Every structure is written in C-alpha cells, then in structure tokens.
Amino acid sequence: MLDKLTDPALVRRWGGEIPVRHRYTPGLAGEAFFTALRDRGVLLGSRCEACEYIYVPCRLFCERCFAELTADTEVGPGGTLESFAIGYVDVEGEPLDEPVTVGLVMPDGADAVLFHFIVEQGEEPLEIGMRVEVVLRPPGERTASILDIVGFQPAAG
C-alpha cells in the first residue's frame, strides 16, 4: 500500500458523493473589501507600513511580518495583466460553447494579484504586461460578492 504508483492506469476510483456542506465567511477584512466593492465600486487593499507591501483583497495582518493592517487603501481600477490562461473545456473535460479566459491582474498601487475573468477582449491578442481595467456590475446589481467584478478588460487607448 505504500508503494509509489508509476502507471496512472493502476489508480482506482470509486464513484459517489460525499454530502459535505460548508459556508465561507470573508472575515472582517474581506467584508470591508466586498462592501467597498458593492457600495463605492472600488478595490480596497491593506498596506503594511513595515514591509511596504499592499495586499489586495484586504488582509487583517501582514503575511510577511505579522503586523496588524487596516483595510484603507484603494487600488486600481486599472492594472497590469501578469498572466492568463484560456480554457476550452470544462472541469469534466467537455468542450465549452465559448472559451473562458482567466488572468492574474496586479491592480495599480497593489503588490498582490487578483485572479479573475478577462472579458471583452476585442481583436488584439492578450499579452502579459498589457494594461487592463476592472469591469463592474452596475451599482444596483452588486451584492458584495467577488462576482460584483465582471472581470478585467484591455484598457482603452
């Protein structure tokens, strides 16, 4: 049983379902991020004075020096596309009707990236390092969720 498998065909799989439910709570910093997104349409981060690092979404403490942080730094709405991937199949391996593009975007003024959809790509191919801007749902449709961000699109101009 402790032998290392070298042939993927030897892996055994049992079908079935595990009835597990969970509820994710964003915490105080996440709540501040989502509320600012819903109410003001801004991306909110936390700045560590000691490390000179701006986290986005907000954090309560610095992951480098453990200093206490406050959610008080607006970043974006523009940013830089750091990486991206285009998916042509779903998680079950079935072809998608339309390809889905996701990317890592570093909002202006932040030192961390956000993972989200890349939308409205236009005719120009995506390139790492290109300028993008956030696309938000209309104010009346926002629910304090990460999906209040529709995605990021290439910046005009």
N, C-alpha and C. Protein backbone atom coordinates (compact mmCIF):
# COMPACT_ATOMS: atom_id res chain seq x y z
N MET A 1 0.81 -1.19 0.00
CA MET A 1 0.00 0.00 0.00
C MET A 1 0.85 1.26 0.00
N LEU A 2 2.08 1.17 0.45
CA LEU A 2 2.95 2.32 0.49
C LEU A 2 3.80 2.45 -0.78
N ASP A 3 3.58 1.56 -1.74
CA ASP A 3 4.34 1.64 -2.99
C ASP A 3 3.89 2.84 -3.81
N LYS A 4 4.83 3.45 -4.47
CA LYS A 4 4.53 4.59 -5.33
C LYS A 4 4.01 4.08 -6.68
N LEU A 5 2.86 4.59 -7.09
CA LEU A 5 2.31 4.21 -8.39
C LEU A 5 3.02 4.98 -9.49
N THR A 6 3.40 4.28 -10.54
CA THR A 6 4.04 4.92 -11.68
C THR A 6 3.17 4.87 -12.92
N ASP A 7 2.13 4.07 -12.88
CA ASP A 7 1.22 3.92 -14.01
C ASP A 7 -0.15 4.45 -13.62
N PRO A 8 -0.58 5.60 -14.22
CA PRO A 8 -1.88 6.17 -13.86
C PRO A 8 -3.06 5.22 -14.06
N ALA A 9 -2.91 4.23 -14.93
CA ALA A 9 -3.99 3.28 -15.17
C ALA A 9 -4.25 2.40 -13.95
N LEU A 10 -3.30 2.32 -13.04
CA LEU A 10 -3.45 1.48 -11.86
C LEU A 10 -4.19 2.19 -10.72
N VAL A 11 -4.46 3.47 -10.87
CA VAL A 11 -5.17 4.20 -9.83
C VAL A 11 -6.63 3.75 -9.83
N ARG A 12 -7.14 3.43 -8.64
CA ARG A 12 -8.53 3.01 -8.54
C ARG A 12 -9.39 4.20 -8.17
N ARG A 13 -10.59 4.23 -8.71
CA ARG A 13 -11.51 5.34 -8.45
C ARG A 13 -12.89 4.77 -8.17
N TRP A 14 -13.51 5.31 -7.13
CA TRP A 14 -14.88 4.91 -6.80
C TRP A 14 -15.78 6.12 -6.99
N GLY A 15 -16.87 5.92 -7.67
CA GLY A 15 -17.84 6.98 -7.85
C GLY A 15 -18.67 7.15 -6.60
N GLY A 16 -19.30 8.28 -6.49
CA GLY A 16 -20.17 8.53 -5.35
C GLY A 16 -20.17 9.99 -4.96
N GLU A 17 -20.91 10.29 -3.93
CA GLU A 17 -20.99 11.66 -3.45
C GLU A 17 -20.79 11.68 -1.94
N ILE A 18 -20.10 12.70 -1.49
CA ILE A 18 -19.93 12.92 -0.06
C ILE A 18 -20.78 14.13 0.30
N PRO A 19 -21.76 13.97 1.15
CA PRO A 19 -22.67 15.09 1.47
C PRO A 19 -22.01 16.09 2.44
N VAL A 20 -21.15 16.93 1.91
CA VAL A 20 -20.44 17.92 2.72
C VAL A 20 -20.94 19.30 2.34
N ARG A 21 -21.29 20.09 3.34
CA ARG A 21 -21.70 21.47 3.11
C ARG A 21 -20.77 22.36 3.90
N HIS A 22 -20.53 23.53 3.37
CA HIS A 22 -19.73 24.49 4.11
C HIS A 22 -20.19 25.89 3.76
N ARG A 23 -19.84 26.81 4.62
CA ARG A 23 -20.18 28.20 4.38
C ARG A 23 -18.90 28.99 4.58
N TYR A 24 -18.53 29.75 3.57
CA TYR A 24 -17.33 30.57 3.65
C TYR A 24 -17.70 31.95 4.15
N THR A 25 -17.01 32.42 5.17
CA THR A 25 -17.21 33.78 5.63
C THR A 25 -15.96 34.58 5.30
N PRO A 26 -16.11 35.78 4.78
CA PRO A 26 -14.95 36.54 4.33
C PRO A 26 -14.14 37.16 5.47
N GLY A 27 -14.65 37.19 6.67
CA GLY A 27 -13.93 37.81 7.77
C GLY A 27 -14.05 39.33 7.71
N LEU A 28 -13.43 40.01 8.66
CA LEU A 28 -13.55 41.46 8.75
C LEU A 28 -12.92 42.15 7.55
N ALA A 29 -11.72 41.74 7.16
CA ALA A 29 -11.04 42.38 6.03
C ALA A 29 -11.77 42.09 4.73
N GLY A 30 -12.20 40.85 4.54
CA GLY A 30 -12.95 40.51 3.33
C GLY A 30 -14.26 41.26 3.25
N GLU A 31 -14.91 41.42 4.40
CA GLU A 31 -16.16 42.17 4.45
C GLU A 31 -15.94 43.62 4.02
N ALA A 32 -14.84 44.21 4.47
CA ALA A 32 -14.51 45.59 4.08
C ALA A 32 -14.28 45.67 2.57
N PHE A 33 -13.57 44.67 2.00
CA PHE A 33 -13.31 44.64 0.56
C PHE A 33 -14.62 44.55 -0.22
N PHE A 34 -15.48 43.60 0.15
CA PHE A 34 -16.72 43.40 -0.59
C PHE A 34 -17.70 44.56 -0.41
N THR A 35 -17.73 45.16 0.76
CA THR A 35 -18.62 46.31 0.99
C THR A 35 -18.16 47.50 0.15
N ALA A 36 -16.87 47.76 0.12
CA ALA A 36 -16.34 48.86 -0.71
C ALA A 36 -16.62 48.59 -2.19
N LEU A 37 -16.51 47.34 -2.59
CA LEU A 37 -16.78 46.98 -3.98
C LEU A 37 -18.25 47.24 -4.31
N ARG A 38 -19.14 46.80 -3.43
CA ARG A 38 -20.58 46.98 -3.66
C ARG A 38 -21.00 48.45 -3.58
N ASP A 39 -20.62 49.13 -2.51
CA ASP A 39 -21.14 50.47 -2.24
C ASP A 39 -20.44 51.57 -3.02
N ARG A 40 -19.13 51.44 -3.20
CA ARG A 40 -18.38 52.52 -3.85
C ARG A 40 -17.76 52.12 -5.19
N GLY A 41 -17.81 50.84 -5.52
CA GLY A 41 -17.24 50.39 -6.78
C GLY A 41 -15.73 50.50 -6.83
N VAL A 42 -15.06 50.30 -5.68
CA VAL A 42 -13.60 50.40 -5.63
C VAL A 42 -13.00 49.09 -5.11
N LEU A 43 -11.75 48.85 -5.50
CA LEU A 43 -10.98 47.72 -4.99
C LEU A 43 -10.21 48.23 -3.77
N LEU A 44 -10.36 47.55 -2.65
CA LEU A 44 -9.76 48.00 -1.40
C LEU A 44 -8.67 47.04 -0.98
N GLY A 45 -7.55 47.60 -0.56
CA GLY A 45 -6.43 46.80 -0.10
C GLY A 45 -5.98 47.22 1.29
N SER A 46 -4.97 46.52 1.79
CA SER A 46 -4.36 46.82 3.09
C SER A 46 -2.87 47.03 2.87
N ARG A 47 -2.36 48.13 3.44
CA ARG A 47 -0.93 48.46 3.28
C ARG A 47 -0.18 48.14 4.57
N CYS A 48 0.95 47.43 4.42
CA CYS A 48 1.85 47.19 5.54
C CYS A 48 2.94 48.25 5.47
N GLU A 49 2.97 49.12 6.46
CA GLU A 49 3.97 50.19 6.50
C GLU A 49 5.37 49.62 6.66
N ALA A 50 5.52 48.56 7.46
CA ALA A 50 6.83 47.99 7.72
C ALA A 50 7.42 47.32 6.48
N CYS A 51 6.61 46.58 5.76
CA CYS A 51 7.10 45.84 4.58
C CYS A 51 6.92 46.62 3.28
N GLU A 52 6.17 47.72 3.34
CA GLU A 52 5.85 48.49 2.15
C GLU A 52 5.22 47.61 1.08
N TYR A 53 4.21 46.85 1.50
CA TYR A 53 3.51 45.91 0.62
C TYR A 53 2.02 46.17 0.75
N ILE A 54 1.33 46.22 -0.38
CA ILE A 54 -0.11 46.45 -0.38
C ILE A 54 -0.81 45.17 -0.85
N TYR A 55 -1.60 44.61 0.05
CA TYR A 55 -2.36 43.40 -0.22
C TYR A 55 -3.71 43.76 -0.83
N VAL A 56 -4.14 42.98 -1.78
CA VAL A 56 -5.48 43.11 -2.32
C VAL A 56 -5.96 41.70 -2.68
N PRO A 57 -7.14 41.29 -2.24
CA PRO A 57 -8.06 41.95 -1.34
C PRO A 57 -7.40 42.22 0.02
N CYS A 58 -8.13 42.93 0.86
CA CYS A 58 -7.63 43.35 2.18
C CYS A 58 -7.22 42.15 3.03
N ARG A 59 -6.30 42.41 3.94
CA ARG A 59 -5.90 41.44 4.95
C ARG A 59 -5.93 42.14 6.32
N LEU A 60 -6.05 41.35 7.38
CA LEU A 60 -6.01 41.91 8.73
C LEU A 60 -4.59 41.97 9.28
N PHE A 61 -3.70 41.13 8.72
CA PHE A 61 -2.32 41.14 9.19
C PHE A 61 -1.40 40.90 7.99
N CYS A 62 -0.17 41.36 8.13
CA CYS A 62 0.82 41.18 7.06
C CYS A 62 1.32 39.74 7.09
N GLU A 63 1.32 39.10 5.95
CA GLU A 63 1.76 37.71 5.86
C GLU A 63 3.28 37.59 5.94
N ARG A 64 3.99 38.72 5.89
CA ARG A 64 5.44 38.71 5.95
C ARG A 64 5.96 38.99 7.37
N CYS A 65 5.39 40.01 8.04
CA CYS A 65 5.90 40.41 9.36
C CYS A 65 4.85 40.31 10.45
N PHE A 66 3.62 39.93 10.11
CA PHE A 66 2.51 39.75 11.05
C PHE A 66 2.02 41.04 11.69
N ALA A 67 2.37 42.19 11.10
CA ALA A 67 1.86 43.46 11.60
C ALA A 67 0.36 43.55 11.37
N GLU A 68 -0.34 44.24 12.25
CA GLU A 68 -1.78 44.45 12.09
C GLU A 68 -2.01 45.45 10.96
N LEU A 69 -2.99 45.18 10.11
CA LEU A 69 -3.29 46.03 8.96
C LEU A 69 -4.72 46.53 9.04
N THR A 70 -4.98 47.62 8.33
CA THR A 70 -6.34 48.10 8.18
C THR A 70 -6.68 48.16 6.70
N ALA A 71 -7.94 47.96 6.41
CA ALA A 71 -8.42 47.97 5.03
C ALA A 71 -8.75 49.40 4.65
N ASP A 72 -7.74 50.13 4.15
CA ASP A 72 -7.94 51.56 3.91
C ASP A 72 -7.25 52.09 2.66
N THR A 73 -6.78 51.21 1.80
CA THR A 73 -6.03 51.66 0.63
C THR A 73 -6.76 51.27 -0.65
N GLU A 74 -7.20 52.27 -1.42
CA GLU A 74 -7.83 51.98 -2.70
C GLU A 74 -6.76 51.69 -3.75
N VAL A 75 -7.00 50.67 -4.56
CA VAL A 75 -6.11 50.31 -5.65
C VAL A 75 -6.91 50.24 -6.95
N GLY A 76 -6.21 50.20 -8.08
CA GLY A 76 -6.89 50.13 -9.36
C GLY A 76 -7.55 51.45 -9.72
N PRO A 77 -8.53 51.50 -10.59
CA PRO A 77 -9.23 50.39 -11.23
C PRO A 77 -8.46 49.76 -12.38
N GLY A 78 -7.36 50.42 -12.79
CA GLY A 78 -6.53 49.85 -13.84
C GLY A 78 -5.52 48.89 -13.23
N GLY A 79 -4.83 48.18 -14.09
CA GLY A 79 -3.82 47.25 -13.62
C GLY A 79 -3.05 46.65 -14.77
N THR A 80 -2.22 45.68 -14.44
CA THR A 80 -1.36 45.01 -15.41
C THR A 80 -1.69 43.53 -15.44
N LEU A 81 -1.83 42.98 -16.63
CA LEU A 81 -2.08 41.55 -16.79
C LEU A 81 -0.75 40.82 -16.59
N GLU A 82 -0.65 40.05 -15.51
CA GLU A 82 0.59 39.35 -15.17
C GLU A 82 0.66 37.96 -15.81
N SER A 83 -0.48 37.34 -16.01
CA SER A 83 -0.54 36.00 -16.60
C SER A 83 -1.98 35.73 -17.00
N PHE A 84 -2.18 34.78 -17.89
CA PHE A 84 -3.55 34.42 -18.27
C PHE A 84 -3.56 33.01 -18.85
N ALA A 85 -4.75 32.44 -18.87
CA ALA A 85 -4.97 31.12 -19.46
C ALA A 85 -6.32 31.13 -20.14
N ILE A 86 -6.42 30.40 -21.23
CA ILE A 86 -7.68 30.29 -21.97
C ILE A 86 -8.15 28.84 -21.87
N GLY A 87 -9.36 28.65 -21.33
CA GLY A 87 -9.91 27.31 -21.18
C GLY A 87 -10.89 26.99 -22.29
N TYR A 88 -10.75 25.81 -22.86
CA TYR A 88 -11.63 25.36 -23.93
C TYR A 88 -12.52 24.19 -23.52
N VAL A 89 -12.24 23.62 -22.34
CA VAL A 89 -13.04 22.51 -21.83
C VAL A 89 -13.42 22.80 -20.39
N ASP A 90 -14.52 22.19 -19.93
CA ASP A 90 -14.95 22.40 -18.55
C ASP A 90 -14.22 21.42 -17.63
N VAL A 91 -14.57 21.42 -16.35
CA VAL A 91 -13.88 20.58 -15.38
C VAL A 91 -14.10 19.09 -15.63
N GLU A 92 -15.12 18.75 -16.38
CA GLU A 92 -15.38 17.35 -16.72
C GLU A 92 -14.72 16.95 -18.05
N GLY A 93 -14.03 17.90 -18.68
CA GLY A 93 -13.37 17.61 -19.95
C GLY A 93 -14.25 17.80 -21.17
N GLU A 94 -15.45 18.34 -20.96
CA GLU A 94 -16.37 18.57 -22.07
C GLU A 94 -16.07 19.93 -22.72
N PRO A 95 -16.19 20.02 -24.04
CA PRO A 95 -15.91 21.30 -24.71
C PRO A 95 -16.88 22.40 -24.26
N LEU A 96 -16.35 23.60 -24.07
CA LEU A 96 -17.17 24.76 -23.75
C LEU A 96 -17.75 25.35 -25.02
N ASP A 97 -18.93 25.95 -24.92
CA ASP A 97 -19.51 26.64 -26.08
C ASP A 97 -18.62 27.79 -26.51
N GLU A 98 -18.10 28.52 -25.55
CA GLU A 98 -17.20 29.65 -25.80
C GLU A 98 -15.99 29.48 -24.88
N PRO A 99 -14.79 29.78 -25.36
CA PRO A 99 -13.62 29.70 -24.47
C PRO A 99 -13.75 30.69 -23.31
N VAL A 100 -13.16 30.37 -22.19
CA VAL A 100 -13.16 31.22 -21.00
C VAL A 100 -11.72 31.62 -20.72
N THR A 101 -11.50 32.92 -20.53
CA THR A 101 -10.16 33.42 -20.24
C THR A 101 -10.12 33.94 -18.81
N VAL A 102 -9.12 33.49 -18.07
CA VAL A 102 -8.89 33.96 -16.72
C VAL A 102 -7.48 34.53 -16.65
N GLY A 103 -7.26 35.43 -15.71
CA GLY A 103 -5.94 36.03 -15.62
C GLY A 103 -5.59 36.45 -14.21
N LEU A 104 -4.31 36.71 -14.02
CA LEU A 104 -3.80 37.31 -12.80
C LEU A 104 -3.54 38.77 -13.11
N VAL A 105 -4.22 39.65 -12.39
CA VAL A 105 -4.11 41.09 -12.62
C VAL A 105 -3.55 41.76 -11.37
N MET A 106 -2.50 42.56 -11.56
CA MET A 106 -1.98 43.36 -10.46
C MET A 106 -2.57 44.75 -10.58
N PRO A 107 -3.53 45.09 -9.71
CA PRO A 107 -4.13 46.42 -9.78
C PRO A 107 -3.09 47.51 -9.50
N ASP A 108 -3.26 48.66 -10.12
CA ASP A 108 -2.36 49.79 -9.88
C ASP A 108 -2.33 50.09 -8.39
N GLY A 109 -1.14 50.26 -7.85
CA GLY A 109 -0.98 50.58 -6.44
C GLY A 109 -0.92 49.37 -5.54
N ALA A 110 -1.09 48.16 -6.06
CA ALA A 110 -1.05 46.94 -5.25
C ALA A 110 0.24 46.17 -5.54
N ASP A 111 0.57 45.29 -4.61
CA ASP A 111 1.72 44.40 -4.80
C ASP A 111 1.29 42.95 -4.93
N ALA A 112 0.00 42.70 -4.85
CA ALA A 112 -0.56 41.36 -4.97
C ALA A 112 -1.47 41.32 -6.19
N VAL A 113 -1.77 40.12 -6.67
CA VAL A 113 -2.60 39.97 -7.87
C VAL A 113 -3.98 39.46 -7.50
N LEU A 114 -4.94 39.77 -8.36
CA LEU A 114 -6.30 39.23 -8.28
C LEU A 114 -6.46 38.24 -9.42
N PHE A 115 -7.10 37.11 -9.15
CA PHE A 115 -7.42 36.12 -10.16
C PHE A 115 -8.87 36.33 -10.56
N HIS A 116 -9.10 36.60 -11.85
CA HIS A 116 -10.48 36.82 -12.28
C HIS A 116 -10.58 36.62 -13.80
N PHE A 117 -11.81 36.75 -14.31
CA PHE A 117 -12.05 36.61 -15.74
C PHE A 117 -11.46 37.78 -16.52
N ILE A 118 -11.05 37.50 -17.74
CA ILE A 118 -10.69 38.53 -18.70
C ILE A 118 -11.83 38.56 -19.71
N VAL A 119 -12.47 39.73 -19.86
CA VAL A 119 -13.67 39.85 -20.67
C VAL A 119 -13.46 40.87 -21.78
N GLU A 120 -14.36 40.87 -22.75
CA GLU A 120 -14.36 41.88 -23.82
C GLU A 120 -12.96 42.10 -24.38
N GLN A 121 -12.39 41.03 -24.90
CA GLN A 121 -11.00 41.08 -25.32
C GLN A 121 -10.76 41.86 -26.61
N GLY A 122 -11.76 41.98 -27.44
CA GLY A 122 -11.57 42.70 -28.69
C GLY A 122 -10.75 41.89 -29.68
N GLU A 123 -10.19 42.58 -30.65
CA GLU A 123 -9.46 41.92 -31.73
C GLU A 123 -7.98 41.69 -31.42
N GLU A 124 -7.41 42.51 -30.53
CA GLU A 124 -5.99 42.40 -30.22
C GLU A 124 -5.74 41.19 -29.33
N PRO A 125 -4.67 40.44 -29.60
CA PRO A 125 -4.37 39.31 -28.71
C PRO A 125 -3.92 39.79 -27.33
N LEU A 126 -4.22 39.00 -26.32
CA LEU A 126 -3.77 39.33 -24.98
C LEU A 126 -2.26 39.16 -24.89
N GLU A 127 -1.64 40.02 -24.08
CA GLU A 127 -0.20 39.92 -23.86
C GLU A 127 0.09 40.17 -22.40
N ILE A 128 1.00 39.41 -21.85
CA ILE A 128 1.43 39.65 -20.49
C ILE A 128 2.06 41.03 -20.43
N GLY A 129 1.68 41.79 -19.43
CA GLY A 129 2.18 43.14 -19.26
C GLY A 129 1.25 44.21 -19.82
N MET A 130 0.18 43.78 -20.50
CA MET A 130 -0.74 44.77 -21.07
C MET A 130 -1.58 45.41 -19.98
N ARG A 131 -2.05 46.62 -20.25
CA ARG A 131 -2.90 47.36 -19.33
C ARG A 131 -4.34 46.85 -19.42
N VAL A 132 -4.95 46.66 -18.27
CA VAL A 132 -6.35 46.23 -18.18
C VAL A 132 -7.06 47.13 -17.18
N GLU A 133 -8.38 47.07 -17.22
CA GLU A 133 -9.19 47.82 -16.25
C GLU A 133 -10.34 46.94 -15.79
N VAL A 134 -10.78 47.19 -14.57
CA VAL A 134 -11.84 46.39 -13.99
C VAL A 134 -13.18 46.74 -14.64
N VAL A 135 -14.03 45.73 -14.80
CA VAL A 135 -15.40 45.89 -15.28
C VAL A 135 -16.31 45.44 -14.14
N LEU A 136 -17.12 46.37 -13.64
CA LEU A 136 -18.01 46.07 -12.51
C LEU A 136 -19.45 45.94 -12.96
N ARG A 137 -20.22 45.21 -12.20
CA ARG A 137 -21.66 45.16 -12.43
C ARG A 137 -22.23 46.55 -12.12
N PRO A 138 -23.37 46.89 -12.70
CA PRO A 138 -24.00 48.18 -12.37
C PRO A 138 -24.28 48.26 -10.87
N PRO A 139 -24.24 49.47 -10.29
CA PRO A 139 -24.41 49.62 -8.84
C PRO A 139 -25.63 48.91 -8.26
N GLY A 140 -26.76 48.94 -8.93
CA GLY A 140 -27.97 48.31 -8.40
C GLY A 140 -27.94 46.80 -8.42
N GLU A 141 -26.99 46.20 -9.13
CA GLU A 141 -26.90 44.75 -9.23
C GLU A 141 -25.82 44.15 -8.34
N ARG A 142 -25.05 44.96 -7.65
CA ARG A 142 -23.96 44.47 -6.81
C ARG A 142 -24.48 43.90 -5.50
N THR A 143 -23.86 42.80 -5.06
CA THR A 143 -24.33 42.10 -3.86
C THR A 143 -23.23 41.88 -2.83
N ALA A 144 -22.12 42.60 -2.92
CA ALA A 144 -20.97 42.42 -2.02
C ALA A 144 -20.37 41.03 -2.20
N SER A 145 -20.09 40.68 -3.44
CA SER A 145 -19.53 39.39 -3.81
C SER A 145 -18.38 39.62 -4.78
N ILE A 146 -17.49 38.66 -4.89
CA ILE A 146 -16.41 38.78 -5.88
C ILE A 146 -16.99 38.85 -7.29
N LEU A 147 -18.21 38.37 -7.47
CA LEU A 147 -18.85 38.43 -8.78
C LEU A 147 -19.42 39.81 -9.08
N ASP A 148 -19.27 40.78 -8.16
CA ASP A 148 -19.55 42.17 -8.49
C ASP A 148 -18.53 42.67 -9.52
N ILE A 149 -17.40 41.99 -9.57
CA ILE A 149 -16.43 42.23 -10.63
C ILE A 149 -16.79 41.28 -11.77
N VAL A 150 -17.17 41.84 -12.92
CA VAL A 150 -17.48 41.00 -14.08
C VAL A 150 -16.18 40.37 -14.58
N GLY A 151 -15.11 41.16 -14.55
CA GLY A 151 -13.80 40.72 -14.99
C GLY A 151 -12.93 41.93 -15.27
N PHE A 152 -11.87 41.69 -16.00
CA PHE A 152 -10.99 42.76 -16.43
C PHE A 152 -10.97 42.76 -17.95
N GLN A 153 -10.86 43.95 -18.55
CA GLN A 153 -10.80 44.07 -20.00
C GLN A 153 -9.57 44.89 -20.37
N PRO A 154 -9.07 44.70 -21.59
CA PRO A 154 -7.96 45.53 -22.02
C PRO A 154 -8.33 47.00 -21.91
N ALA A 155 -7.40 47.82 -21.41
CA ALA A 155 -7.66 49.24 -21.20
C ALA A 155 -7.77 49.96 -22.54
N ALA A 156 -8.65 50.93 -22.60
CA ALA A 156 -8.82 51.73 -23.82
C ALA A 156 -7.59 52.61 -24.01
N GLY A 157 -7.22 52.77 -25.26
CA GLY A 157 -6.11 53.68 -25.58
C GLY A 157 -4.84 53.01 -25.47
